[in-house]
Amino acid sequence: MIRGVIFDLDGTLIDSMSVWSDIDRKFLAENGVEPPSSYDVTDVVRKMTIEQAAQFFINEFGIDLTPEQIIRRIGELVRIEYEENIPLKPGVRELLGTLDSMGIPCGIATATYRELAEAILRRCGIYESFRFLLTDADYPRGKSCPEIYLGASRLLGTSPEDTLVVEDSLHCITTAAGAGFVTAAVYDEASSAESGEIRRKADHYAGSLYEIKDMIAAMRS
Protein backbone atom coordinates (compact mmCIF):
# COMPACT_ATOMS: atom_id res chain seq x y z
CA MET A 1 0.00 0.00 0.00
CA ILE A 2 1.33 3.45 -0.94
CA ARG A 3 1.50 5.77 2.08
CA GLY A 4 3.52 8.64 0.58
CA VAL A 5 4.73 10.01 -2.77
CA ILE A 6 8.01 11.69 -3.73
CA PHE A 7 7.86 13.69 -6.95
CA ASP A 8 10.58 14.88 -9.25
CA LEU A 9 9.91 18.37 -10.65
CA ASP A 10 11.42 18.99 -14.11
CA GLY A 11 9.99 16.71 -16.75
CA THR A 12 7.63 15.13 -14.23
CA LEU A 13 5.42 17.87 -12.77
CA ILE A 14 6.47 20.72 -15.06
CA ASP A 15 7.15 20.83 -18.80
CA SER A 16 10.60 22.37 -18.58
CA MET A 17 13.20 20.09 -20.15
CA SER A 18 13.28 21.93 -23.49
CA VAL A 19 14.03 25.14 -21.58
CA TRP A 20 17.14 23.58 -20.04
CA SER A 21 18.33 22.37 -23.43
CA ASP A 22 17.98 25.87 -24.87
CA ILE A 23 19.68 27.44 -21.86
CA ASP A 24 22.66 25.08 -22.01
CA ARG A 25 23.20 25.98 -25.66
CA LYS A 26 22.73 29.70 -25.02
CA PHE A 27 25.19 29.63 -22.12
CA LEU A 28 27.83 27.85 -24.19
CA ALA A 29 27.30 30.18 -27.16
CA GLU A 30 27.72 33.34 -25.10
CA ASN A 31 31.02 31.89 -23.88
CA GLY A 32 32.23 31.22 -27.41
CA VAL A 33 31.57 27.48 -27.42
CA GLU A 34 29.78 25.72 -30.26
CA PRO A 35 27.60 22.97 -28.75
CA PRO A 36 29.10 19.60 -29.75
CA SER A 37 27.31 17.56 -32.39
CA SER A 38 28.74 14.26 -31.11
CA TYR A 39 26.53 14.17 -27.99
CA ASP A 40 23.68 16.03 -26.29
CA VAL A 41 25.11 18.32 -23.60
CA THR A 42 21.77 18.60 -21.82
CA ASP A 43 21.45 14.82 -21.62
CA VAL A 44 24.87 14.66 -19.95
CA VAL A 45 24.37 17.42 -17.38
CA ARG A 46 20.80 16.47 -16.45
CA LYS A 47 22.29 13.51 -14.56
CA MET A 48 24.48 15.87 -12.51
CA THR A 49 23.97 18.23 -9.61
CA ILE A 50 24.13 21.94 -10.41
CA GLU A 51 27.65 22.10 -8.98
CA GLN A 52 28.80 19.08 -10.99
CA ALA A 53 27.34 20.55 -14.17
CA ALA A 54 29.19 23.82 -13.63
CA GLN A 55 32.47 21.96 -13.18
CA PHE A 56 31.71 19.89 -16.28
CA PHE A 57 31.41 23.06 -18.38
CA ILE A 58 34.77 24.23 -17.06
CA ASN A 59 36.57 20.93 -17.60
CA GLU A 60 34.96 19.98 -20.91
CA PHE A 61 34.93 23.35 -22.67
CA GLY A 62 37.59 25.36 -20.86
CA ILE A 63 35.15 28.08 -19.81
CA ASP A 64 37.04 30.72 -17.84
CA LEU A 65 34.53 31.17 -15.04
CA THR A 66 34.24 29.84 -11.51
CA PRO A 67 31.56 27.25 -10.73
CA GLU A 68 29.75 29.91 -8.70
CA GLN A 69 29.71 32.30 -11.66
CA ILE A 70 28.35 29.60 -13.95
CA ILE A 71 25.63 28.61 -11.49
CA ARG A 72 24.62 32.25 -11.07
CA ARG A 73 24.52 32.93 -14.83
CA ILE A 74 22.47 29.85 -15.69
CA GLY A 75 20.11 30.76 -12.89
CA GLU A 76 19.69 34.21 -14.43
CA LEU A 77 18.99 32.74 -17.87
CA VAL A 78 16.27 30.37 -16.71
CA ARG A 79 14.64 32.49 -14.00
CA ILE A 80 12.19 34.30 -16.23
CA GLU A 81 10.99 30.99 -17.71
CA TYR A 82 10.18 29.57 -14.27
CA GLU A 83 8.65 32.79 -13.02
CA GLU A 84 6.47 33.46 -16.06
CA ASN A 85 6.30 30.78 -18.74
CA ILE A 86 6.86 27.10 -17.91
CA PRO A 87 3.54 25.22 -17.58
CA LEU A 88 2.53 22.33 -15.37
CA LYS A 89 2.31 18.93 -17.01
CA PRO A 90 -1.27 17.87 -17.80
CA GLY A 91 -2.89 16.07 -14.88
CA VAL A 92 -0.86 17.61 -12.06
CA ARG A 93 -3.80 19.26 -10.30
CA GLU A 94 -5.97 16.20 -10.66
CA LEU A 95 -3.24 13.94 -9.28
CA LEU A 96 -2.59 16.21 -6.31
CA GLY A 97 -6.32 16.41 -5.66
CA THR A 98 -6.54 12.63 -5.58
CA LEU A 99 -3.62 12.33 -3.16
CA ASP A 100 -5.20 14.94 -0.89
CA SER A 101 -8.58 13.20 -0.91
CA MET A 102 -6.89 9.90 -0.06
CA GLY A 103 -4.79 11.43 2.72
CA ILE A 104 -1.50 10.53 1.05
CA PRO A 105 1.26 13.08 1.80
CA CYS A 106 3.73 14.08 -0.89
CA GLY A 107 6.91 16.09 -1.36
CA ILE A 108 9.38 17.10 -4.04
CA ALA A 109 13.00 16.05 -4.57
CA THR A 110 14.62 18.01 -7.39
CA ALA A 111 17.99 19.00 -8.86
CA THR A 112 16.59 22.42 -9.77
CA TYR A 113 17.61 25.64 -8.01
CA ARG A 114 15.39 26.06 -4.93
CA GLU A 115 14.32 29.61 -5.80
CA LEU A 116 13.24 28.54 -9.28
CA ALA A 117 11.32 25.54 -7.99
CA GLU A 118 9.55 27.67 -5.40
CA ALA A 119 8.76 30.33 -8.00
CA ILE A 120 6.93 28.00 -10.37
CA LEU A 121 5.15 26.07 -7.61
CA ARG A 122 3.85 29.32 -6.11
CA ARG A 123 2.92 30.79 -9.51
CA CYS A 124 0.91 27.70 -10.33
CA GLY A 125 -0.73 27.67 -6.90
CA ILE A 126 0.43 24.21 -5.82
CA TYR A 127 3.28 25.02 -3.42
CA GLU A 128 1.15 24.24 -0.37
CA SER A 129 0.28 20.79 -1.74
CA PHE A 130 3.74 19.50 -0.78
CA ARG A 131 5.16 18.87 2.66
CA PHE A 132 8.68 19.75 1.58
CA LEU A 133 10.97 20.73 -1.28
CA LEU A 134 14.39 19.06 -1.25
CA THR A 135 17.16 20.13 -3.62
CA ASP A 136 20.85 19.54 -4.26
CA ALA A 137 21.51 22.21 -1.63
CA ASP A 138 20.09 19.77 0.93
CA TYR A 139 21.70 16.67 -0.61
CA PRO A 140 24.82 17.69 -2.60
CA ARG A 141 25.39 14.19 -4.02
CA GLY A 142 22.18 14.51 -6.01
CA LYS A 143 20.01 11.72 -7.35
CA SER A 144 22.84 9.41 -8.28
CA CYS A 145 22.78 8.50 -4.58
CA PRO A 146 19.68 7.46 -2.62
CA GLU A 147 20.11 9.82 0.34
CA ILE A 148 17.73 12.45 -1.07
CA TYR A 149 14.96 9.86 -1.45
CA LEU A 150 15.62 8.37 1.97
CA GLY A 151 15.56 11.84 3.51
CA ALA A 152 12.29 12.55 1.75
CA SER A 153 10.68 9.36 3.03
CA ARG A 154 11.70 10.27 6.57
CA LEU A 155 9.96 13.61 6.19
CA LEU A 156 6.85 11.80 4.95
CA GLY A 157 7.03 9.35 7.84
CA THR A 158 7.10 6.40 5.46
CA SER A 159 9.41 3.54 4.52
CA PRO A 160 10.83 2.98 1.00
CA GLU A 161 8.63 -0.06 0.42
CA ASP A 162 5.45 1.98 0.92
CA THR A 163 6.67 5.17 -0.77
CA LEU A 164 6.14 5.86 -4.47
CA VAL A 165 8.84 7.80 -6.34
CA VAL A 166 7.59 9.45 -9.54
CA GLU A 167 10.36 10.36 -11.99
CA ASP A 168 10.91 10.78 -15.72
CA SER A 169 14.58 9.85 -16.12
CA LEU A 170 16.43 6.56 -16.08
CA HIS A 171 19.20 7.34 -13.60
CA CYS A 172 16.69 8.59 -11.00
CA ILE A 173 14.45 5.55 -11.39
CA THR A 174 17.51 3.33 -11.06
CA THR A 175 18.65 5.03 -7.86
CA ALA A 176 15.22 4.98 -6.22
CA ALA A 177 14.55 1.37 -7.20
CA GLY A 178 17.95 0.32 -5.85
CA ALA A 179 17.03 1.86 -2.48
CA GLY A 180 13.84 -0.19 -2.27
CA PHE A 181 11.29 2.43 -3.30
CA VAL A 182 8.26 1.71 -5.44
CA THR A 183 8.91 3.54 -8.71
CA ALA A 184 6.65 5.02 -11.36
CA ALA A 185 8.11 6.53 -14.52
CA VAL A 186 6.11 9.12 -16.44
CA TYR A 187 6.86 9.82 -20.08
CA ASP A 188 8.74 12.97 -21.03
CA GLU A 189 10.03 13.69 -24.52
CA ALA A 190 13.49 14.52 -23.21
CA SER A 191 13.86 10.95 -21.91
CA SER A 192 12.25 9.22 -24.89
CA ALA A 193 15.55 7.71 -26.09
CA GLU A 194 15.77 5.82 -22.79
CA SER A 195 12.10 4.85 -22.61
CA GLY A 196 12.74 1.15 -23.23
CA GLU A 197 15.21 0.86 -20.37
CA ILE A 198 13.04 3.06 -18.15
CA ARG A 199 10.11 0.68 -18.70
CA ARG A 200 12.27 -2.25 -17.66
CA LYS A 201 13.62 -0.54 -14.53
CA ALA A 202 10.43 1.06 -13.20
CA ASP A 203 7.73 -0.80 -11.32
CA HIS A 204 5.13 1.20 -13.25
CA TYR A 205 5.26 3.21 -16.46
CA ALA A 206 2.74 5.85 -17.51
CA GLY A 207 2.22 8.04 -20.51
CA SER A 208 0.81 10.84 -18.38
CA LEU A 209 0.11 11.92 -14.83
CA TYR A 210 -3.53 11.00 -15.34
CA GLU A 211 -2.40 7.40 -15.53
CA ILE A 212 -0.34 7.84 -12.36
CA LYS A 213 -3.48 9.15 -10.62
CA ASP A 214 -5.49 6.11 -11.67
CA MET A 215 -2.65 3.78 -10.71
CA ILE A 216 -2.40 5.19 -7.19
CA ALA A 217 -6.15 4.96 -6.73
CA ALA A 218 -6.06 1.31 -7.83
CA MET A 219 -3.14 0.52 -5.52
CA ARG A 220 -5.11 1.82 -2.54
CA SER A 221 -8.39 0.09 -3.42
C-alpha atoms as a PDB file:
ATOM      1  CA  MET A   1       0.000   0.000   0.000  1.00  0.00           C
ATOM      2  CA  ILE A   2       1.328   3.448  -0.939  1.00  0.00           C
ATOM      3  CA  ARG A   3       1.502   5.772   2.082  1.00  0.00           C
ATOM      4  CA  GLY A   4       3.524   8.642   0.576  1.00  0.00           C
ATOM      5  CA  VAL A   5       4.730  10.012  -2.766  1.00  0.00           C
ATOM      6  CA  ILE A   6       8.011  11.690  -3.732  1.00  0.00           C
ATOM      7  CA  PHE A   7       7.857  13.690  -6.952  1.00  0.00           C
ATOM      8  CA  ASP A   8      10.581  14.885  -9.254  1.00  0.00           C
ATOM      9  CA  LEU A   9       9.906  18.369 -10.654  1.00  0.00           C
ATOM     10  CA  ASP A  10      11.417  18.995 -14.106  1.00  0.00           C
ATOM     11  CA  GLY A  11       9.988  16.710 -16.752  1.00  0.00           C
ATOM     12  CA  THR A  12       7.629  15.134 -14.227  1.00  0.00           C
ATOM     13  CA  LEU A  13       5.422  17.873 -12.765  1.00  0.00           C
ATOM     14  CA  ILE A  14       6.473  20.716 -15.059  1.00  0.00           C
ATOM     15  CA  ASP A  15       7.147  20.829 -18.799  1.00  0.00           C
ATOM     16  CA  SER A  16      10.602  22.368 -18.580  1.00  0.00           C
ATOM     17  CA  MET A  17      13.202  20.092 -20.146  1.00  0.00           C
ATOM     18  CA  SER A  18      13.275  21.926 -23.491  1.00  0.00           C
ATOM     19  CA  VAL A  19      14.033  25.137 -21.578  1.00  0.00           C
ATOM     20  CA  TRP A  20      17.135  23.583 -20.040  1.00  0.00           C
ATOM     21  CA  SER A  21      18.333  22.373 -23.432  1.00  0.00           C
ATOM     22  CA  ASP A  22      17.978  25.868 -24.872  1.00  0.00           C
ATOM     23  CA  ILE A  23      19.682  27.444 -21.862  1.00  0.00           C
ATOM     24  CA  ASP A  24      22.664  25.077 -22.005  1.00  0.00           C
ATOM     25  CA  ARG A  25      23.202  25.984 -25.657  1.00  0.00           C
ATOM     26  CA  LYS A  26      22.730  29.695 -25.023  1.00  0.00           C
ATOM     27  CA  PHE A  27      25.191  29.634 -22.124  1.00  0.00           C
ATOM     28  CA  LEU A  28      27.829  27.853 -24.189  1.00  0.00           C
ATOM     29  CA  ALA A  29      27.297  30.175 -27.158  1.00  0.00           C
ATOM     30  CA  GLU A  30      27.722  33.335 -25.098  1.00  0.00           C
ATOM     31  CA  ASN A  31      31.024  31.886 -23.877  1.00  0.00           C
ATOM     32  CA  GLY A  32      32.227  31.221 -27.409  1.00  0.00           C
ATOM     33  CA  VAL A  33      31.569  27.475 -27.423  1.00  0.00           C
ATOM     34  CA  GLU A  34      29.781  25.717 -30.265  1.00  0.00           C
ATOM     35  CA  PRO A  35      27.604  22.974 -28.753  1.00  0.00           C
ATOM     36  CA  PRO A  36      29.099  19.596 -29.755  1.00  0.00           C
ATOM     37  CA  SER A  37      27.311  17.556 -32.386  1.00  0.00           C
ATOM     38  CA  SER A  38      28.738  14.256 -31.114  1.00  0.00           C
ATOM     39  CA  TYR A  39      26.530  14.171 -27.994  1.00  0.00           C
ATOM     40  CA  ASP A  40      23.683  16.035 -26.291  1.00  0.00           C
ATOM     41  CA  VAL A  41      25.111  18.316 -23.602  1.00  0.00           C
ATOM     42  CA  THR A  42      21.774  18.597 -21.821  1.00  0.00           C
ATOM     43  CA  ASP A  43      21.446  14.819 -21.619  1.00  0.00           C
ATOM     44  CA  VAL A  44      24.866  14.663 -19.951  1.00  0.00           C
ATOM     45  CA  VAL A  45      24.367  17.419 -17.378  1.00  0.00           C
ATOM     46  CA  ARG A  46      20.804  16.469 -16.446  1.00  0.00           C
ATOM     47  CA  LYS A  47      22.288  13.507 -14.564  1.00  0.00           C
ATOM     48  CA  MET A  48      24.483  15.871 -12.511  1.00  0.00           C
ATOM     49  CA  THR A  49      23.965  18.225  -9.608  1.00  0.00           C
ATOM     50  CA  ILE A  50      24.134  21.938 -10.406  1.00  0.00           C
ATOM     51  CA  GLU A  51      27.654  22.099  -8.980  1.00  0.00           C
ATOM     52  CA  GLN A  52      28.801  19.079 -10.990  1.00  0.00           C
ATOM     53  CA  ALA A  53      27.338  20.552 -14.174  1.00  0.00           C
ATOM     54  CA  ALA A  54      29.194  23.822 -13.627  1.00  0.00           C
ATOM     55  CA  GLN A  55      32.475  21.957 -13.176  1.00  0.00           C
ATOM     56  CA  PHE A  56      31.711  19.889 -16.285  1.00  0.00           C
ATOM     57  CA  PHE A  57      31.406  23.056 -18.381  1.00  0.00           C
ATOM     58  CA  ILE A  58      34.772  24.233 -17.063  1.00  0.00           C
ATOM     59  CA  ASN A  59      36.565  20.929 -17.596  1.00  0.00           C
ATOM     60  CA  GLU A  60      34.957  19.980 -20.911  1.00  0.00           C
ATOM     61  CA  PHE A  61      34.930  23.347 -22.666  1.00  0.00           C
ATOM     62  CA  GLY A  62      37.590  25.363 -20.858  1.00  0.00           C
ATOM     63  CA  ILE A  63      35.154  28.084 -19.815  1.00  0.00           C
ATOM     64  CA  ASP A  64      37.043  30.719 -17.837  1.00  0.00           C
ATOM     65  CA  LEU A  65      34.529  31.172 -15.035  1.00  0.00           C
ATOM     66  CA  THR A  66      34.237  29.845 -11.512  1.00  0.00           C
ATOM     67  CA  PRO A  67      31.559  27.246 -10.729  1.00  0.00           C
ATOM     68  CA  GLU A  68      29.754  29.906  -8.699  1.00  0.00           C
ATOM     69  CA  GLN A  69      29.712  32.300 -11.657  1.00  0.00           C
ATOM     70  CA  ILE A  70      28.355  29.599 -13.951  1.00  0.00           C
ATOM     71  CA  ILE A  71      25.630  28.610 -11.489  1.00  0.00           C
ATOM     72  CA  ARG A  72      24.618  32.251 -11.069  1.00  0.00           C
ATOM     73  CA  ARG A  73      24.515  32.935 -14.828  1.00  0.00           C
ATOM     74  CA  ILE A  74      22.474  29.853 -15.689  1.00  0.00           C
ATOM     75  CA  GLY A  75      20.108  30.762 -12.886  1.00  0.00           C
ATOM     76  CA  GLU A  76      19.694  34.215 -14.433  1.00  0.00           C
ATOM     77  CA  LEU A  77      18.993  32.738 -17.872  1.00  0.00           C
ATOM     78  CA  VAL A  78      16.266  30.373 -16.711  1.00  0.00           C
ATOM     79  CA  ARG A  79      14.642  32.488 -14.000  1.00  0.00           C
ATOM     80  CA  ILE A  80      12.194  34.296 -16.233  1.00  0.00           C
ATOM     81  CA  GLU A  81      10.993  30.990 -17.707  1.00  0.00           C
ATOM     82  CA  TYR A  82      10.176  29.571 -14.270  1.00  0.00           C
ATOM     83  CA  GLU A  83       8.651  32.795 -13.016  1.00  0.00           C
ATOM     84  CA  GLU A  84       6.472  33.462 -16.058  1.00  0.00           C
ATOM     85  CA  ASN A  85       6.296  30.779 -18.742  1.00  0.00           C
ATOM     86  CA  ILE A  86       6.863  27.101 -17.915  1.00  0.00           C
ATOM     87  CA  PRO A  87       3.543  25.225 -17.578  1.00  0.00           C
ATOM     88  CA  LEU A  88       2.530  22.331 -15.374  1.00  0.00           C
ATOM     89  CA  LYS A  89       2.314  18.927 -17.011  1.00  0.00           C
ATOM     90  CA  PRO A  90      -1.272  17.866 -17.801  1.00  0.00           C
ATOM     91  CA  GLY A  91      -2.893  16.072 -14.883  1.00  0.00           C
ATOM     92  CA  VAL A  92      -0.857  17.612 -12.056  1.00  0.00           C
ATOM     93  CA  ARG A  93      -3.797  19.261 -10.303  1.00  0.00           C
ATOM     94  CA  GLU A  94      -5.971  16.196 -10.663  1.00  0.00           C
ATOM     95  CA  LEU A  95      -3.235  13.936  -9.283  1.00  0.00           C
ATOM     96  CA  LEU A  96      -2.590  16.209  -6.311  1.00  0.00           C
ATOM     97  CA  GLY A  97      -6.315  16.406  -5.656  1.00  0.00           C
ATOM     98  CA  THR A  98      -6.540  12.626  -5.578  1.00  0.00           C
ATOM     99  CA  LEU A  99      -3.623  12.333  -3.159  1.00  0.00           C
ATOM    100  CA  ASP A 100      -5.203  14.942  -0.892  1.00  0.00           C
ATOM    101  CA  SER A 101      -8.578  13.200  -0.912  1.00  0.00           C
ATOM    102  CA  MET A 102      -6.888   9.900  -0.061  1.00  0.00           C
ATOM    103  CA  GLY A 103      -4.793  11.434   2.716  1.00  0.00           C
ATOM    104  CA  ILE A 104      -1.497  10.526   1.047  1.00  0.00           C
ATOM    105  CA  PRO A 105       1.257  13.079   1.803  1.00  0.00           C
ATOM    106  CA  CYS A 106       3.734  14.081  -0.890  1.00  0.00           C
ATOM    107  CA  GLY A 107       6.906  16.091  -1.357  1.00  0.00           C
ATOM    108  CA  ILE A 108       9.381  17.101  -4.037  1.00  0.00           C
ATOM    109  CA  ALA A 109      13.003  16.053  -4.568  1.00  0.00           C
ATOM    110  CA  THR A 110      14.623  18.007  -7.390  1.00  0.00           C
ATOM    111  CA  ALA A 111      17.985  19.001  -8.857  1.00  0.00           C
ATOM    112  CA  THR A 112      16.588  22.421  -9.773  1.00  0.00           C
ATOM    113  CA  TYR A 113      17.607  25.639  -8.013  1.00  0.00           C
ATOM    114  CA  ARG A 114      15.389  26.062  -4.934  1.00  0.00           C
ATOM    115  CA  GLU A 115      14.322  29.608  -5.804  1.00  0.00           C
ATOM    116  CA  LEU A 116      13.241  28.538  -9.279  1.00  0.00           C
ATOM    117  CA  ALA A 117      11.322  25.537  -7.986  1.00  0.00           C
ATOM    118  CA  GLU A 118       9.555  27.668  -5.396  1.00  0.00           C
ATOM    119  CA  ALA A 119       8.759  30.325  -8.002  1.00  0.00           C
ATOM    120  CA  ILE A 120       6.927  28.003 -10.369  1.00  0.00           C
ATOM    121  CA  LEU A 121       5.148  26.073  -7.609  1.00  0.00           C
ATOM    122  CA  ARG A 122       3.853  29.322  -6.106  1.00  0.00           C
ATOM    123  CA  ARG A 123       2.918  30.793  -9.505  1.00  0.00           C
ATOM    124  CA  CYS A 124       0.906  27.696 -10.328  1.00  0.00           C
ATOM    125  CA  GLY A 125      -0.733  27.666  -6.904  1.00  0.00           C
ATOM    126  CA  ILE A 126       0.430  24.212  -5.820  1.00  0.00           C
ATOM    127  CA  TYR A 127       3.279  25.025  -3.417  1.00  0.00           C
ATOM    128  CA  GLU A 128       1.146  24.245  -0.367  1.00  0.00           C
ATOM    129  CA  SER A 129       0.281  20.795  -1.744  1.00  0.00           C
ATOM    130  CA  PHE A 130       3.739  19.499  -0.780  1.00  0.00           C
ATOM    131  CA  ARG A 131       5.160  18.868   2.660  1.00  0.00           C
ATOM    132  CA  PHE A 132       8.677  19.745   1.578  1.00  0.00           C
ATOM    133  CA  LEU A 133      10.968  20.730  -1.279  1.00  0.00           C
ATOM    134  CA  LEU A 134      14.385  19.062  -1.245  1.00  0.00           C
ATOM    135  CA  THR A 135      17.163  20.130  -3.624  1.00  0.00           C
ATOM    136  CA  ASP A 136      20.853  19.539  -4.256  1.00  0.00           C
ATOM    137  CA  ALA A 137      21.508  22.207  -1.631  1.00  0.00           C
ATOM    138  CA  ASP A 138      20.092  19.765   0.935  1.00  0.00           C
ATOM    139  CA  TYR A 139      21.701  16.669  -0.608  1.00  0.00           C
ATOM    140  CA  PRO A 140      24.817  17.686  -2.602  1.00  0.00           C
ATOM    141  CA  ARG A 141      25.386  14.186  -4.023  1.00  0.00           C
ATOM    142  CA  GLY A 142      22.183  14.514  -6.015  1.00  0.00           C
ATOM    143  CA  LYS A 143      20.006  11.718  -7.350  1.00  0.00           C
ATOM    144  CA  SER A 144      22.838   9.414  -8.276  1.00  0.00           C
ATOM    145  CA  CYS A 145      22.778   8.505  -4.577  1.00  0.00           C
ATOM    146  CA  PRO A 146      19.681   7.462  -2.616  1.00  0.00           C
ATOM    147  CA  GLU A 147      20.105   9.818   0.339  1.00  0.00           C
ATOM    148  CA  ILE A 148      17.733  12.448  -1.070  1.00  0.00           C
ATOM    149  CA  TYR A 149      14.961   9.863  -1.450  1.00  0.00           C
ATOM    150  CA  LEU A 150      15.622   8.370   1.973  1.00  0.00           C
ATOM    151  CA  GLY A 151      15.555  11.838   3.513  1.00  0.00           C
ATOM    152  CA  ALA A 152      12.286  12.554   1.749  1.00  0.00           C
ATOM    153  CA  SER A 153      10.682   9.365   3.035  1.00  0.00           C
ATOM    154  CA  ARG A 154      11.696  10.266   6.574  1.00  0.00           C
ATOM    155  CA  LEU A 155       9.955  13.607   6.187  1.00  0.00           C
ATOM    156  CA  LEU A 156       6.854  11.796   4.946  1.00  0.00           C
ATOM    157  CA  GLY A 157       7.026   9.348   7.841  1.00  0.00           C
ATOM    158  CA  THR A 158       7.096   6.398   5.462  1.00  0.00           C
ATOM    159  CA  SER A 159       9.413   3.542   4.517  1.00  0.00           C
ATOM    160  CA  PRO A 160      10.828   2.983   1.004  1.00  0.00           C
ATOM    161  CA  GLU A 161       8.633  -0.055   0.421  1.00  0.00           C
ATOM    162  CA  ASP A 162       5.445   1.984   0.921  1.00  0.00           C
ATOM    163  CA  THR A 163       6.666   5.165  -0.774  1.00  0.00           C
ATOM    164  CA  LEU A 164       6.138   5.859  -4.470  1.00  0.00           C
ATOM    165  CA  VAL A 165       8.838   7.797  -6.336  1.00  0.00           C
ATOM    166  CA  VAL A 166       7.588   9.451  -9.540  1.00  0.00           C
ATOM    167  CA  GLU A 167      10.355  10.362 -11.990  1.00  0.00           C
ATOM    168  CA  ASP A 168      10.909  10.776 -15.720  1.00  0.00           C
ATOM    169  CA  SER A 169      14.579   9.846 -16.121  1.00  0.00           C
ATOM    170  CA  LEU A 170      16.432   6.557 -16.078  1.00  0.00           C
ATOM    171  CA  HIS A 171      19.197   7.342 -13.600  1.00  0.00           C
ATOM    172  CA  CYS A 172      16.692   8.589 -11.002  1.00  0.00           C
ATOM    173  CA  ILE A 173      14.446   5.554 -11.388  1.00  0.00           C
ATOM    174  CA  THR A 174      17.514   3.328 -11.065  1.00  0.00           C
ATOM    175  CA  THR A 175      18.653   5.031  -7.858  1.00  0.00           C
ATOM    176  CA  ALA A 176      15.225   4.983  -6.223  1.00  0.00           C
ATOM    177  CA  ALA A 177      14.554   1.366  -7.197  1.00  0.00           C
ATOM    178  CA  GLY A 178      17.949   0.323  -5.849  1.00  0.00           C
ATOM    179  CA  ALA A 179      17.034   1.855  -2.479  1.00  0.00           C
ATOM    180  CA  GLY A 180      13.839  -0.186  -2.268  1.00  0.00           C
ATOM    181  CA  PHE A 181      11.288   2.429  -3.298  1.00  0.00           C
ATOM    182  CA  VAL A 182       8.257   1.711  -5.440  1.00  0.00           C
ATOM    183  CA  THR A 183       8.906   3.541  -8.712  1.00  0.00           C
ATOM    184  CA  ALA A 184       6.655   5.017 -11.360  1.00  0.00           C
ATOM    185  CA  ALA A 185       8.112   6.529 -14.522  1.00  0.00           C
ATOM    186  CA  VAL A 186       6.111   9.118 -16.437  1.00  0.00           C
ATOM    187  CA  TYR A 187       6.861   9.818 -20.085  1.00  0.00           C
ATOM    188  CA  ASP A 188       8.736  12.968 -21.027  1.00  0.00           C
ATOM    189  CA  GLU A 189      10.030  13.688 -24.518  1.00  0.00           C
ATOM    190  CA  ALA A 190      13.490  14.518 -23.211  1.00  0.00           C
ATOM    191  CA  SER A 191      13.855  10.955 -21.910  1.00  0.00           C
ATOM    192  CA  SER A 192      12.247   9.217 -24.890  1.00  0.00           C
ATOM    193  CA  ALA A 193      15.546   7.715 -26.088  1.00  0.00           C
ATOM    194  CA  GLU A 194      15.773   5.816 -22.787  1.00  0.00           C
ATOM    195  CA  SER A 195      12.102   4.851 -22.610  1.00  0.00           C
ATOM    196  CA  GLY A 196      12.737   1.151 -23.233  1.00  0.00           C
ATOM    197  CA  GLU A 197      15.209   0.861 -20.369  1.00  0.00           C
ATOM    198  CA  ILE A 198      13.040   3.060 -18.154  1.00  0.00           C
ATOM    199  CA  ARG A 199      10.108   0.679 -18.702  1.00  0.00           C
ATOM    200  CA  ARG A 200      12.269  -2.249 -17.657  1.00  0.00           C
ATOM    201  CA  LYS A 201      13.617  -0.542 -14.535  1.00  0.00           C
ATOM    202  CA  ALA A 202      10.428   1.062 -13.199  1.00  0.00           C
ATOM    203  CA  ASP A 203       7.725  -0.804 -11.318  1.00  0.00           C
ATOM    204  CA  HIS A 204       5.128   1.197 -13.253  1.00  0.00           C
ATOM    205  CA  TYR A 205       5.261   3.215 -16.460  1.00  0.00           C
ATOM    206  CA  ALA A 206       2.740   5.845 -17.512  1.00  0.00           C
ATOM    207  CA  GLY A 207       2.224   8.041 -20.513  1.00  0.00           C
ATOM    208  CA  SER A 208       0.809  10.843 -18.380  1.00  0.00           C
ATOM    209  CA  LEU A 209       0.114  11.920 -14.826  1.00  0.00           C
ATOM    210  CA  TYR A 210      -3.531  11.003 -15.338  1.00  0.00           C
ATOM    211  CA  GLU A 211      -2.398   7.400 -15.529  1.00  0.00           C
ATOM    212  CA  ILE A 212      -0.335   7.835 -12.355  1.00  0.00           C
ATOM    213  CA  LYS A 213      -3.476   9.149 -10.615  1.00  0.00           C
ATOM    214  CA  ASP A 214      -5.493   6.113 -11.668  1.00  0.00           C
ATOM    215  CA  MET A 215      -2.653   3.778 -10.713  1.00  0.00           C
ATOM    216  CA  ILE A 216      -2.402   5.189  -7.189  1.00  0.00           C
ATOM    217  CA  ALA A 217      -6.154   4.960  -6.735  1.00  0.00           C
ATOM    218  CA  ALA A 218      -6.057   1.308  -7.832  1.00  0.00           C
ATOM    219  CA  MET A 219      -3.141   0.519  -5.522  1.00  0.00           C
ATOM    220  CA  ARG A 220      -5.106   1.818  -2.541  1.00  0.00           C
ATOM    221  CA  SER A 221      -8.387   0.090  -3.424  1.00  0.00           C
END
